[in-house]
Amino acid sequence: MKRMGKLLLVLCLVVSLMAMGLTGCTQTKSPADQPAAEKKFINIATGGTAGTYYPLGGAMAEILNQNIPGVNATAQSTGASAANINMLAGGSVDLALVQNDVAYYAINGIELFKDKKVEGLQAISTLYPETCQIIALTKSGIKSVADFKGKKIAVGAAGSGVEANTRQILAAHGLTYDDINAQYLSFAEAANGLKDGNIDAAFVTAGHPTAAIQDLAAQHEITLIPISDEIADKLIAQYPYYTKVTIPADTYSSQKADTQALAVKAMLIVSSKMDEETAYNITKSIYSNLDKLAATHTVGKLITVESASDGLSIPVHPGAAKFFNEKK
């Protein structure tokens, strides 16, 4: 009898478990229980709010949000090129605007990235020339880089692409930081320093016109310091990512003549960890809406499918390559 009782108890438990299983299989989940559509968050590293990267990055975020289903893209202000590469490598951002020279330094472990080589950087495309603009107030009497000896000079934010350009241009003129009083300042800080008389000149690498310089030129007469052919040729021979450009007269208030300058290229880069489909969709969305970039900033008019590979200094992401191959 005891054995029979145990068998009945086991049988009852089995029947109960089967009933529970059937109930679980037939139960309809409420809408609240259904998983929400997955959002893909894309963070875009730009630069300071007074530069060119920030408004362009904002426009790119809008384009991605409007053209890629499920994407939530945002642009964030950063310390620009070098900081952006470190953030991309660290995974805190997904897209980054950088100078082509700084990207080259990173993948080769030189200059700003000496002994800190960064793996896995890939390009979406190059965008537009970033002009190495050298500015002084006209009343300072400074007319050339040779006049910088003993002066307070804004050389760019510490560790930035601007700062690397500054060192290289100074060296081509036979100068080092020992010859000047270097001030590590952002674009906006440099403009304010010139306004207040706290610095004598500033280096700014950005697409022209640059908002910070426009604001300065609206209040003070400025001088754009030119780069001679001799110096330009010397730098291009040593650093092939440089090109000669002309800043047209009247780009800024009181700028009466064309000014010869050097430029690097702005790039849009990603990590090689980004999947091919996402990189393809990002590239297609941006290059199908170039009118929106042109409406955001003057340099947007210089971004074209045809020039997307000019000045590439790192490998192209397969997703971006797929899009550009389709456009050929």
C-alpha atoms as a PDB file:
ATOM      1  CA  MET A   1       0.000   0.000   0.000  1.00  0.00           C
ATOM      2  CA  LYS A   2       2.789   2.384   0.830  1.00  0.00           C
ATOM      3  CA  ARG A   3       4.345   1.699  -2.571  1.00  0.00           C
ATOM      4  CA  MET A   4       1.024   2.350  -4.272  1.00  0.00           C
ATOM      5  CA  GLY A   5       0.701   5.639  -2.382  1.00  0.00           C
ATOM      6  CA  LYS A   6       4.107   6.779  -3.564  1.00  0.00           C
ATOM      7  CA  LEU A   7       3.249   5.909  -7.176  1.00  0.00           C
ATOM      8  CA  LEU A   8       0.032   7.923  -6.948  1.00  0.00           C
ATOM      9  CA  LEU A   9       1.941  10.899  -5.518  1.00  0.00           C
ATOM     10  CA  VAL A  10       4.491  10.803  -8.361  1.00  0.00           C
ATOM     11  CA  LEU A  11       1.699  10.521 -10.926  1.00  0.00           C
ATOM     12  CA  CYS A  12      -0.070  13.566  -9.449  1.00  0.00           C
ATOM     13  CA  LEU A  13       3.137  15.606  -9.629  1.00  0.00           C
ATOM     14  CA  VAL A  14       3.702  14.648 -13.283  1.00  0.00           C
ATOM     15  CA  VAL A  15       0.136  15.605 -14.223  1.00  0.00           C
ATOM     16  CA  SER A  16       0.521  18.966 -12.415  1.00  0.00           C
ATOM     17  CA  LEU A  17       3.768  19.772 -14.190  1.00  0.00           C
ATOM     18  CA  MET A  18       2.271  18.890 -17.592  1.00  0.00           C
ATOM     19  CA  ALA A  19      -0.682  21.144 -16.886  1.00  0.00           C
ATOM     20  CA  MET A  20       1.624  24.013 -15.968  1.00  0.00           C
ATOM     21  CA  GLY A  21       3.629  23.465 -19.162  1.00  0.00           C
ATOM     22  CA  LEU A  22       0.505  23.555 -21.305  1.00  0.00           C
ATOM     23  CA  THR A  23      -0.641  26.735 -19.621  1.00  0.00           C
ATOM     24  CA  GLY A  24       2.751  28.340 -20.268  1.00  0.00           C
ATOM     25  CA  CYS A  25       2.652  27.348 -23.950  1.00  0.00           C
ATOM     26  CA  THR A  26      -0.802  28.743 -24.574  1.00  0.00           C
ATOM     27  CA  GLN A  27      -0.444  31.940 -22.542  1.00  0.00           C
ATOM     28  CA  THR A  28      -0.444  35.104 -24.713  1.00  0.00           C
ATOM     29  CA  LYS A  29       2.110  37.728 -23.781  1.00  0.00           C
ATOM     30  CA  SER A  30       0.780  41.204 -23.195  1.00  0.00           C
ATOM     31  CA  PRO A  31       2.159  44.031 -25.355  1.00  0.00           C
ATOM     32  CA  ALA A  32       4.185  45.197 -22.375  1.00  0.00           C
ATOM     33  CA  ASP A  33       5.945  41.818 -22.316  1.00  0.00           C
ATOM     34  CA  GLN A  34       7.015  42.054 -25.976  1.00  0.00           C
ATOM     35  CA  PRO A  35      10.644  43.151 -26.548  1.00  0.00           C
ATOM     36  CA  ALA A  36      10.970  46.730 -27.788  1.00  0.00           C
ATOM     37  CA  ALA A  37      12.453  47.345 -31.241  1.00  0.00           C
ATOM     38  CA  GLU A  38      16.222  47.435 -30.846  1.00  0.00           C
ATOM     39  CA  LYS A  39      17.768  50.891 -31.151  1.00  0.00           C
ATOM     40  CA  LYS A  40      21.218  51.325 -32.631  1.00  0.00           C
ATOM     41  CA  PHE A  41      22.994  54.188 -30.882  1.00  0.00           C
ATOM     42  CA  ILE A  42      25.692  55.965 -32.883  1.00  0.00           C
ATOM     43  CA  ASN A  43      27.846  58.534 -31.105  1.00  0.00           C
ATOM     44  CA  ILE A  44      29.772  60.935 -33.337  1.00  0.00           C
ATOM     45  CA  ALA A  45      32.930  62.553 -31.932  1.00  0.00           C
ATOM     46  CA  THR A  46      33.408  66.049 -33.367  1.00  0.00           C
ATOM     47  CA  GLY A  47      35.452  68.932 -31.903  1.00  0.00           C
ATOM     48  CA  GLY A  48      35.016  72.216 -30.062  1.00  0.00           C
ATOM     49  CA  THR A  49      31.760  74.110 -30.543  1.00  0.00           C
ATOM     50  CA  ALA A  50      33.601  77.004 -32.228  1.00  0.00           C
ATOM     51  CA  GLY A  51      35.167  74.776 -34.894  1.00  0.00           C
ATOM     52  CA  THR A  52      33.914  73.098 -38.072  1.00  0.00           C
ATOM     53  CA  TYR A  53      33.574  69.486 -36.899  1.00  0.00           C
ATOM     54  CA  TYR A  54      30.811  70.240 -34.414  1.00  0.00           C
ATOM     55  CA  PRO A  55      28.167  71.643 -36.801  1.00  0.00           C
ATOM     56  CA  LEU A  56      29.023  69.053 -39.469  1.00  0.00           C
ATOM     57  CA  GLY A  57      28.771  66.235 -36.938  1.00  0.00           C
ATOM     58  CA  GLY A  58      25.381  67.548 -35.860  1.00  0.00           C
ATOM     59  CA  ALA A  59      24.182  67.563 -39.464  1.00  0.00           C
ATOM     60  CA  MET A  60      25.477  64.016 -39.960  1.00  0.00           C
ATOM     61  CA  ALA A  61      23.593  62.863 -36.856  1.00  0.00           C
ATOM     62  CA  GLU A  62      20.363  64.316 -38.261  1.00  0.00           C
ATOM     63  CA  ILE A  63      20.955  62.617 -41.620  1.00  0.00           C
ATOM     64  CA  LEU A  64      21.523  59.224 -39.980  1.00  0.00           C
ATOM     65  CA  ASN A  65      18.449  59.588 -37.769  1.00  0.00           C
ATOM     66  CA  GLN A  66      16.275  60.424 -40.757  1.00  0.00           C
ATOM     67  CA  ASN A  67      17.614  57.787 -43.124  1.00  0.00           C
ATOM     68  CA  ILE A  68      18.576  54.667 -41.171  1.00  0.00           C
ATOM     69  CA  PRO A  69      15.658  52.930 -39.380  1.00  0.00           C
ATOM     70  CA  GLY A  70      16.252  52.297 -35.686  1.00  0.00           C
ATOM     71  CA  VAL A  71      19.291  54.586 -35.453  1.00  0.00           C
ATOM     72  CA  ASN A  72      19.678  57.156 -32.708  1.00  0.00           C
ATOM     73  CA  ALA A  73      22.713  59.260 -33.634  1.00  0.00           C
ATOM     74  CA  THR A  74      24.119  62.118 -31.564  1.00  0.00           C
ATOM     75  CA  ALA A  75      27.102  64.426 -32.030  1.00  0.00           C
ATOM     76  CA  GLN A  76      29.235  65.352 -29.047  1.00  0.00           C
ATOM     77  CA  SER A  77      31.752  68.144 -28.547  1.00  0.00           C
ATOM     78  CA  THR A  78      35.264  66.806 -27.918  1.00  0.00           C
ATOM     79  CA  GLY A  79      38.941  67.729 -27.972  1.00  0.00           C
ATOM     80  CA  ALA A  80      38.993  66.866 -31.716  1.00  0.00           C
ATOM     81  CA  SER A  81      41.326  64.569 -33.682  1.00  0.00           C
ATOM     82  CA  ALA A  82      43.623  62.868 -31.156  1.00  0.00           C
ATOM     83  CA  ALA A  83      40.943  62.685 -28.470  1.00  0.00           C
ATOM     84  CA  ASN A  84      38.457  61.335 -31.019  1.00  0.00           C
ATOM     85  CA  ILE A  85      40.814  58.534 -32.058  1.00  0.00           C
ATOM     86  CA  ASN A  86      41.299  57.507 -28.437  1.00  0.00           C
ATOM     87  CA  MET A  87      37.543  57.570 -27.841  1.00  0.00           C
ATOM     88  CA  LEU A  88      36.921  55.486 -30.957  1.00  0.00           C
ATOM     89  CA  ALA A  89      39.589  52.973 -29.937  1.00  0.00           C
ATOM     90  CA  GLY A  90      38.063  52.840 -26.457  1.00  0.00           C
ATOM     91  CA  GLY A  91      34.574  52.184 -27.801  1.00  0.00           C
ATOM     92  CA  SER A  92      32.880  55.267 -26.356  1.00  0.00           C
ATOM     93  CA  VAL A  93      32.084  56.651 -29.825  1.00  0.00           C
ATOM     94  CA  ASP A  94      31.238  54.985 -33.140  1.00  0.00           C
ATOM     95  CA  LEU A  95      32.154  57.647 -35.690  1.00  0.00           C
ATOM     96  CA  ALA A  96      34.834  60.312 -35.471  1.00  0.00           C
ATOM     97  CA  LEU A  97      35.916  63.372 -37.416  1.00  0.00           C
ATOM     98  CA  VAL A  98      39.715  63.618 -37.527  1.00  0.00           C
ATOM     99  CA  GLN A  99      42.564  65.103 -39.528  1.00  0.00           C
ATOM    100  CA  ASN A 100      44.169  62.694 -42.017  1.00  0.00           C
ATOM    101  CA  ASP A 101      47.617  63.447 -40.604  1.00  0.00           C
ATOM    102  CA  VAL A 102      46.566  62.545 -37.064  1.00  0.00           C
ATOM    103  CA  ALA A 103      44.980  59.286 -38.254  1.00  0.00           C
ATOM    104  CA  TYR A 104      48.284  58.509 -39.992  1.00  0.00           C
ATOM    105  CA  TYR A 105      50.210  59.171 -36.766  1.00  0.00           C
ATOM    106  CA  ALA A 106      47.862  56.867 -34.836  1.00  0.00           C
ATOM    107  CA  ILE A 107      48.110  53.789 -37.060  1.00  0.00           C
ATOM    108  CA  ASN A 108      51.892  54.172 -37.311  1.00  0.00           C
ATOM    109  CA  GLY A 109      52.550  54.996 -33.653  1.00  0.00           C
ATOM    110  CA  ILE A 110      54.386  58.259 -34.335  1.00  0.00           C
ATOM    111  CA  GLU A 111      54.126  61.963 -33.392  1.00  0.00           C
ATOM    112  CA  LEU A 112      51.151  62.379 -31.028  1.00  0.00           C
ATOM    113  CA  PHE A 113      50.891  58.589 -30.817  1.00  0.00           C
ATOM    114  CA  LYS A 114      54.580  57.793 -30.404  1.00  0.00           C
ATOM    115  CA  ASP A 115      54.798  54.302 -28.869  1.00  0.00           C
ATOM    116  CA  LYS A 116      50.967  54.266 -28.644  1.00  0.00           C
ATOM    117  CA  LYS A 117      50.027  52.713 -31.978  1.00  0.00           C
ATOM    118  CA  VAL A 118      46.267  52.390 -32.472  1.00  0.00           C
ATOM    119  CA  GLU A 119      44.950  49.302 -34.246  1.00  0.00           C
ATOM    120  CA  GLY A 120      41.714  48.930 -36.176  1.00  0.00           C
ATOM    121  CA  LEU A 121      41.109  52.441 -37.495  1.00  0.00           C
ATOM    122  CA  GLN A 122      39.330  52.522 -40.853  1.00  0.00           C
ATOM    123  CA  ALA A 123      38.066  55.345 -43.029  1.00  0.00           C
ATOM    124  CA  ILE A 124      34.616  56.090 -44.327  1.00  0.00           C
ATOM    125  CA  SER A 125      36.070  58.864 -46.505  1.00  0.00           C
ATOM    126  CA  THR A 126      37.996  62.100 -46.579  1.00  0.00           C
ATOM    127  CA  LEU A 127      35.782  65.168 -46.515  1.00  0.00           C
ATOM    128  CA  TYR A 128      37.352  68.582 -47.201  1.00  0.00           C
ATOM    129  CA  PRO A 129      40.624  70.484 -46.801  1.00  0.00           C
ATOM    130  CA  GLU A 130      41.400  71.659 -43.264  1.00  0.00           C
ATOM    131  CA  THR A 131      43.402  74.823 -43.540  1.00  0.00           C
ATOM    132  CA  CYS A 132      46.279  75.604 -41.206  1.00  0.00           C
ATOM    133  CA  GLN A 133      45.278  79.199 -40.477  1.00  0.00           C
ATOM    134  CA  ILE A 134      47.718  81.465 -38.631  1.00  0.00           C
ATOM    135  CA  ILE A 135      46.103  84.592 -37.213  1.00  0.00           C
ATOM    136  CA  ALA A 136      47.317  87.768 -35.506  1.00  0.00           C
ATOM    137  CA  LEU A 137      45.706  91.097 -34.824  1.00  0.00           C
ATOM    138  CA  THR A 138      46.889  93.631 -37.403  1.00  0.00           C
ATOM    139  CA  LYS A 139      47.799  96.118 -34.693  1.00  0.00           C
ATOM    140  CA  SER A 140      50.370  93.630 -33.307  1.00  0.00           C
ATOM    141  CA  GLY A 141      52.591  94.264 -36.335  1.00  0.00           C
ATOM    142  CA  ILE A 142      53.184  90.508 -36.753  1.00  0.00           C
ATOM    143  CA  LYS A 143      53.435  89.629 -40.449  1.00  0.00           C
ATOM    144  CA  SER A 144      55.266  86.299 -40.553  1.00  0.00           C
ATOM    145  CA  VAL A 145      56.016  83.222 -38.462  1.00  0.00           C
ATOM    146  CA  ALA A 146      59.563  84.568 -38.114  1.00  0.00           C
ATOM    147  CA  ASP A 147      58.066  87.379 -35.977  1.00  0.00           C
ATOM    148  CA  PHE A 148      56.861  84.859 -33.351  1.00  0.00           C
ATOM    149  CA  LYS A 149      60.106  84.795 -31.349  1.00  0.00           C
ATOM    150  CA  GLY A 150      59.401  85.681 -27.735  1.00  0.00           C
ATOM    151  CA  LYS A 151      55.658  86.024 -28.385  1.00  0.00           C
ATOM    152  CA  LYS A 152      52.677  84.311 -26.733  1.00  0.00           C
ATOM    153  CA  ILE A 153      51.356  81.935 -29.375  1.00  0.00           C
ATOM    154  CA  ALA A 154      48.248  79.725 -29.177  1.00  0.00           C
ATOM    155  CA  VAL A 155      49.491  76.382 -30.517  1.00  0.00           C
ATOM    156  CA  GLY A 156      46.252  74.382 -30.240  1.00  0.00           C
ATOM    157  CA  ALA A 157      44.882  72.174 -27.486  1.00  0.00           C
ATOM    158  CA  ALA A 158      47.476  69.882 -25.889  1.00  0.00           C
ATOM    159  CA  GLY A 159      47.878  66.704 -27.929  1.00  0.00           C
ATOM    160  CA  SER A 160      45.675  67.964 -30.768  1.00  0.00           C
ATOM    161  CA  GLY A 161      46.253  67.776 -34.510  1.00  0.00           C
ATOM    162  CA  VAL A 162      46.562  71.551 -34.527  1.00  0.00           C
ATOM    163  CA  GLU A 163      49.419  71.338 -32.072  1.00  0.00           C
ATOM    164  CA  ALA A 164      51.267  68.867 -34.319  1.00  0.00           C
ATOM    165  CA  ASN A 165      50.771  71.178 -37.328  1.00  0.00           C
ATOM    166  CA  THR A 166      52.093  74.067 -35.242  1.00  0.00           C
ATOM    167  CA  ARG A 167      55.312  72.260 -34.286  1.00  0.00           C
ATOM    168  CA  GLN A 168      55.938  71.210 -37.882  1.00  0.00           C
ATOM    169  CA  ILE A 169      55.330  74.695 -39.316  1.00  0.00           C
ATOM    170  CA  LEU A 170      57.493  76.314 -36.639  1.00  0.00           C
ATOM    171  CA  ALA A 171      60.292  73.819 -37.337  1.00  0.00           C
ATOM    172  CA  ALA A 172      60.160  74.610 -41.057  1.00  0.00           C
ATOM    173  CA  HIS A 173      60.823  78.236 -40.083  1.00  0.00           C
ATOM    174  CA  GLY A 174      63.715  77.231 -37.813  1.00  0.00           C
ATOM    175  CA  LEU A 175      61.752  77.714 -34.586  1.00  0.00           C
ATOM    176  CA  THR A 176      60.807  75.489 -31.635  1.00  0.00           C
ATOM    177  CA  TYR A 177      58.640  75.950 -28.565  1.00  0.00           C
ATOM    178  CA  ASP A 178      61.779  77.210 -26.813  1.00  0.00           C
ATOM    179  CA  ASP A 179      61.582  80.294 -29.044  1.00  0.00           C
ATOM    180  CA  ILE A 180      57.974  81.166 -28.155  1.00  0.00           C
ATOM    181  CA  ASN A 181      55.673  81.239 -25.156  1.00  0.00           C
ATOM    182  CA  ALA A 182      53.369  78.366 -26.139  1.00  0.00           C
ATOM    183  CA  GLN A 183      49.727  78.582 -25.029  1.00  0.00           C
ATOM    184  CA  TYR A 184      47.689  75.357 -25.330  1.00  0.00           C
ATOM    185  CA  LEU A 185      44.274  76.721 -26.281  1.00  0.00           C
ATOM    186  CA  SER A 186      41.149  75.620 -28.148  1.00  0.00           C
ATOM    187  CA  PHE A 187      39.842  77.646 -31.105  1.00  0.00           C
ATOM    188  CA  ALA A 188      37.415  79.619 -28.941  1.00  0.00           C
ATOM    189  CA  GLU A 189      40.025  80.203 -26.226  1.00  0.00           C
ATOM    190  CA  ALA A 190      42.552  81.384 -28.814  1.00  0.00           C
ATOM    191  CA  ALA A 191      40.051  83.834 -30.325  1.00  0.00           C
ATOM    192  CA  ASN A 192      39.205  85.193 -26.886  1.00  0.00           C
ATOM    193  CA  GLY A 193      42.912  85.449 -26.039  1.00  0.00           C
ATOM    194  CA  LEU A 194      43.510  87.557 -29.147  1.00  0.00           C
ATOM    195  CA  LYS A 195      40.497  89.758 -28.342  1.00  0.00           C
ATOM    196  CA  ASP A 196      41.731  90.328 -24.801  1.00  0.00           C
ATOM    197  CA  GLY A 197      45.361  90.862 -25.807  1.00  0.00           C
ATOM    198  CA  ASN A 198      46.504  87.857 -23.776  1.00  0.00           C
ATOM    199  CA  ILE A 199      48.183  86.212 -26.778  1.00  0.00           C
ATOM    200  CA  ASP A 200      49.894  87.568 -29.886  1.00  0.00           C
ATOM    201  CA  ALA A 201      48.980  85.000 -32.545  1.00  0.00           C
ATOM    202  CA  ALA A 202      47.204  81.680 -32.948  1.00  0.00           C
ATOM    203  CA  PHE A 203      47.275  78.532 -35.050  1.00  0.00           C
ATOM    204  CA  VAL A 204      43.869  77.123 -36.029  1.00  0.00           C
ATOM    205  CA  THR A 205      43.504  74.085 -38.288  1.00  0.00           C
ATOM    206  CA  ALA A 206      39.934  73.968 -39.565  1.00  0.00           C
ATOM    207  CA  GLY A 207      37.870  74.439 -42.673  1.00  0.00           C
ATOM    208  CA  HIS A 208      37.663  78.081 -43.633  1.00  0.00           C
ATOM    209  CA  PRO A 209      35.816  80.176 -42.758  1.00  0.00           C
ATOM    210  CA  THR A 210      36.043  79.139 -39.106  1.00  0.00           C
ATOM    211  CA  ALA A 211      33.395  80.480 -36.734  1.00  0.00           C
ATOM    212  CA  ALA A 212      35.870  81.496 -34.024  1.00  0.00           C
ATOM    213  CA  ILE A 213      37.926  83.531 -36.505  1.00  0.00           C
ATOM    214  CA  GLN A 214      34.826  85.073 -38.094  1.00  0.00           C
ATOM    215  CA  ASP A 215      33.728  86.269 -34.669  1.00  0.00           C
ATOM    216  CA  LEU A 216      37.186  87.697 -33.958  1.00  0.00           C
ATOM    217  CA  ALA A 217      37.395  89.426 -37.370  1.00  0.00           C
ATOM    218  CA  ALA A 218      33.985  91.026 -36.838  1.00  0.00           C
ATOM    219  CA  GLN A 219      35.413  92.910 -33.851  1.00  0.00           C
ATOM    220  CA  HIS A 220      39.110  93.393 -34.698  1.00  0.00           C
ATOM    221  CA  GLU A 221      41.203  93.829 -37.810  1.00  0.00           C
ATOM    222  CA  ILE A 222      43.131  90.589 -38.304  1.00  0.00           C
ATOM    223  CA  THR A 223      46.120  89.486 -40.348  1.00  0.00           C
ATOM    224  CA  LEU A 224      46.341  86.011 -41.851  1.00  0.00           C
ATOM    225  CA  ILE A 225      49.996  84.956 -41.844  1.00  0.00           C
ATOM    226  CA  PRO A 226      50.935  83.423 -45.224  1.00  0.00           C
ATOM    227  CA  ILE A 227      53.119  80.371 -45.853  1.00  0.00           C
ATOM    228  CA  SER A 228      55.700  80.963 -48.567  1.00  0.00           C
ATOM    229  CA  ASP A 229      56.181  78.554 -51.458  1.00  0.00           C
ATOM    230  CA  GLU A 230      59.616  77.648 -50.120  1.00  0.00           C
ATOM    231  CA  ILE A 231      58.289  76.694 -46.691  1.00  0.00           C
ATOM    232  CA  ALA A 232      55.242  74.942 -48.154  1.00  0.00           C
ATOM    233  CA  ASP A 233      57.370  72.834 -50.505  1.00  0.00           C
ATOM    234  CA  LYS A 234      59.707  71.948 -47.651  1.00  0.00           C
ATOM    235  CA  LEU A 235      56.816  70.747 -45.472  1.00  0.00           C
ATOM    236  CA  ILE A 236      55.090  68.827 -48.267  1.00  0.00           C
ATOM    237  CA  ALA A 237      58.334  66.991 -49.055  1.00  0.00           C
ATOM    238  CA  GLN A 238      58.626  65.941 -45.411  1.00  0.00           C
ATOM    239  CA  TYR A 239      54.915  65.394 -44.688  1.00  0.00           C
ATOM    240  CA  PRO A 240      53.071  64.329 -47.886  1.00  0.00           C
ATOM    241  CA  TYR A 241      49.618  64.730 -46.307  1.00  0.00           C
ATOM    242  CA  TYR A 242      49.977  68.529 -46.583  1.00  0.00           C
ATOM    243  CA  THR A 243      48.711  70.410 -49.643  1.00  0.00           C
ATOM    244  CA  LYS A 244      48.843  74.054 -50.690  1.00  0.00           C
ATOM    245  CA  VAL A 245      45.578  75.996 -50.504  1.00  0.00           C
ATOM    246  CA  THR A 246      44.523  79.597 -50.933  1.00  0.00           C
ATOM    247  CA  ILE A 247      42.289  81.389 -48.458  1.00  0.00           C
ATOM    248  CA  PRO A 248      40.421  83.782 -50.784  1.00  0.00           C
ATOM    249  CA  ALA A 249      40.285  87.501 -50.052  1.00  0.00           C
ATOM    250  CA  ASP A 250      37.221  88.518 -48.021  1.00  0.00           C
ATOM    251  CA  THR A 251      36.918  85.104 -46.391  1.00  0.00           C
ATOM    252  CA  TYR A 252      37.136  87.155 -43.204  1.00  0.00           C
ATOM    253  CA  SER A 253      36.359  90.802 -42.531  1.00  0.00           C
ATOM    254  CA  SER A 254      39.362  93.044 -43.288  1.00  0.00           C
ATOM    255  CA  GLN A 255      41.114  90.280 -45.259  1.00  0.00           C
ATOM    256  CA  LYS A 256      41.918  92.234 -48.394  1.00  0.00           C
ATOM    257  CA  ALA A 257      44.087  89.733 -50.297  1.00  0.00           C
ATOM    258  CA  ASP A 258      44.319  86.018 -51.024  1.00  0.00           C
ATOM    259  CA  THR A 259      46.505  84.199 -48.489  1.00  0.00           C
ATOM    260  CA  GLN A 260      48.556  81.112 -49.275  1.00  0.00           C
ATOM    261  CA  ALA A 261      48.318  78.426 -46.620  1.00  0.00           C
ATOM    262  CA  LEU A 262      48.768  74.719 -46.025  1.00  0.00           C
ATOM    263  CA  ALA A 263      45.984  72.217 -45.477  1.00  0.00           C
ATOM    264  CA  VAL A 264      45.446  68.659 -44.336  1.00  0.00           C
ATOM    265  CA  LYS A 265      42.217  66.709 -44.946  1.00  0.00           C
ATOM    266  CA  ALA A 266      39.294  66.132 -42.626  1.00  0.00           C
ATOM    267  CA  MET A 267      38.256  62.477 -42.468  1.00  0.00           C
ATOM    268  CA  LEU A 268      35.315  60.490 -41.160  1.00  0.00           C
ATOM    269  CA  ILE A 269      36.567  57.298 -39.516  1.00  0.00           C
ATOM    270  CA  VAL A 270      35.215  54.233 -37.701  1.00  0.00           C
ATOM    271  CA  SER A 271      36.520  51.146 -35.968  1.00  0.00           C
ATOM    272  CA  SER A 272      37.127  47.984 -37.973  1.00  0.00           C
ATOM    273  CA  LYS A 273      34.757  46.342 -35.460  1.00  0.00           C
ATOM    274  CA  MET A 274      31.780  48.116 -37.066  1.00  0.00           C
ATOM    275  CA  ASP A 275      29.776  45.661 -39.166  1.00  0.00           C
ATOM    276  CA  GLU A 276      29.744  46.093 -42.936  1.00  0.00           C
ATOM    277  CA  GLU A 277      26.013  46.798 -43.215  1.00  0.00           C
ATOM    278  CA  THR A 278      26.116  49.648 -40.688  1.00  0.00           C
ATOM    279  CA  ALA A 279      29.161  51.245 -42.326  1.00  0.00           C
ATOM    280  CA  TYR A 280      27.494  50.940 -45.745  1.00  0.00           C
ATOM    281  CA  ASN A 281      24.261  52.539 -44.501  1.00  0.00           C
ATOM    282  CA  ILE A 282      26.155  55.393 -42.837  1.00  0.00           C
ATOM    283  CA  THR A 283      28.152  56.096 -46.002  1.00  0.00           C
ATOM    284  CA  LYS A 284      25.119  55.883 -48.274  1.00  0.00           C
ATOM    285  CA  SER A 285      23.022  58.136 -46.030  1.00  0.00           C
ATOM    286  CA  ILE A 286      25.659  60.857 -45.766  1.00  0.00           C
ATOM    287  CA  TYR A 287      26.627  60.865 -49.448  1.00  0.00           C
ATOM    288  CA  SER A 288      22.981  60.826 -50.529  1.00  0.00           C
ATOM    289  CA  ASN A 289      22.323  63.978 -48.503  1.00  0.00           C
ATOM    290  CA  LEU A 290      25.325  66.192 -49.220  1.00  0.00           C
ATOM    291  CA  ASP A 291      23.005  69.164 -49.755  1.00  0.00           C
ATOM    292  CA  LYS A 292      22.286  69.135 -46.013  1.00  0.00           C
ATOM    293  CA  LEU A 293      26.001  69.297 -45.188  1.00  0.00           C
ATOM    294  CA  ALA A 294      26.449  72.143 -47.698  1.00  0.00           C
ATOM    295  CA  ALA A 295      23.609  74.033 -46.013  1.00  0.00           C
ATOM    296  CA  THR A 296      25.222  73.560 -42.594  1.00  0.00           C
ATOM    297  CA  HIS A 297      28.690  74.944 -43.343  1.00  0.00           C
ATOM    298  CA  THR A 298      30.559  76.336 -46.343  1.00  0.00           C
ATOM    299  CA  VAL A 299      33.022  73.408 -46.297  1.00  0.00           C
ATOM    300  CA  GLY A 300      30.079  71.067 -46.836  1.00  0.00           C
ATOM    301  CA  LYS A 301      30.098  72.192 -50.474  1.00  0.00           C
ATOM    302  CA  LEU A 302      33.560  70.643 -50.827  1.00  0.00           C
ATOM    303  CA  ILE A 303      32.423  67.158 -49.777  1.00  0.00           C
ATOM    304  CA  THR A 304      31.824  65.039 -52.874  1.00  0.00           C
ATOM    305  CA  VAL A 305      31.741  61.389 -53.911  1.00  0.00           C
ATOM    306  CA  GLU A 306      34.514  62.133 -56.408  1.00  0.00           C
ATOM    307  CA  SER A 307      36.910  63.482 -53.750  1.00  0.00           C
ATOM    308  CA  ALA A 308      36.091  60.920 -51.053  1.00  0.00           C
ATOM    309  CA  SER A 309      39.378  59.055 -51.506  1.00  0.00           C
ATOM    310  CA  ASP A 310      41.659  62.104 -51.842  1.00  0.00           C
ATOM    311  CA  GLY A 311      44.280  62.115 -49.098  1.00  0.00           C
ATOM    312  CA  LEU A 312      43.230  58.831 -47.487  1.00  0.00           C
ATOM    313  CA  SER A 313      45.864  57.955 -44.894  1.00  0.00           C
ATOM    314  CA  ILE A 314      44.331  54.766 -43.423  1.00  0.00           C
ATOM    315  CA  PRO A 315      42.513  51.745 -44.929  1.00  0.00           C
ATOM    316  CA  VAL A 316      38.873  52.117 -45.996  1.00  0.00           C
ATOM    317  CA  HIS A 317      36.144  50.174 -44.162  1.00  0.00           C
ATOM    318  CA  PRO A 318      34.667  47.415 -46.407  1.00  0.00           C
ATOM    319  CA  GLY A 319      31.151  48.840 -45.942  1.00  0.00           C
ATOM    320  CA  ALA A 320      32.229  52.257 -47.207  1.00  0.00           C
ATOM    321  CA  ALA A 321      34.228  50.681 -50.040  1.00  0.00           C
ATOM    322  CA  LYS A 322      31.116  48.773 -51.133  1.00  0.00           C
ATOM    323  CA  PHE A 323      29.145  52.026 -51.454  1.00  0.00           C
ATOM    324  CA  PHE A 324      31.829  53.887 -53.413  1.00  0.00           C
ATOM    325  CA  ASN A 325      32.362  50.906 -55.721  1.00  0.00           C
ATOM    326  CA  GLU A 326      28.652  50.994 -56.532  1.00  0.00           C
ATOM    327  CA  LYS A 327      28.955  54.691 -57.460  1.00  0.00           C
ATOM    328  CA  LYS A 328      31.738  54.094 -59.996  1.00  0.00           C
END
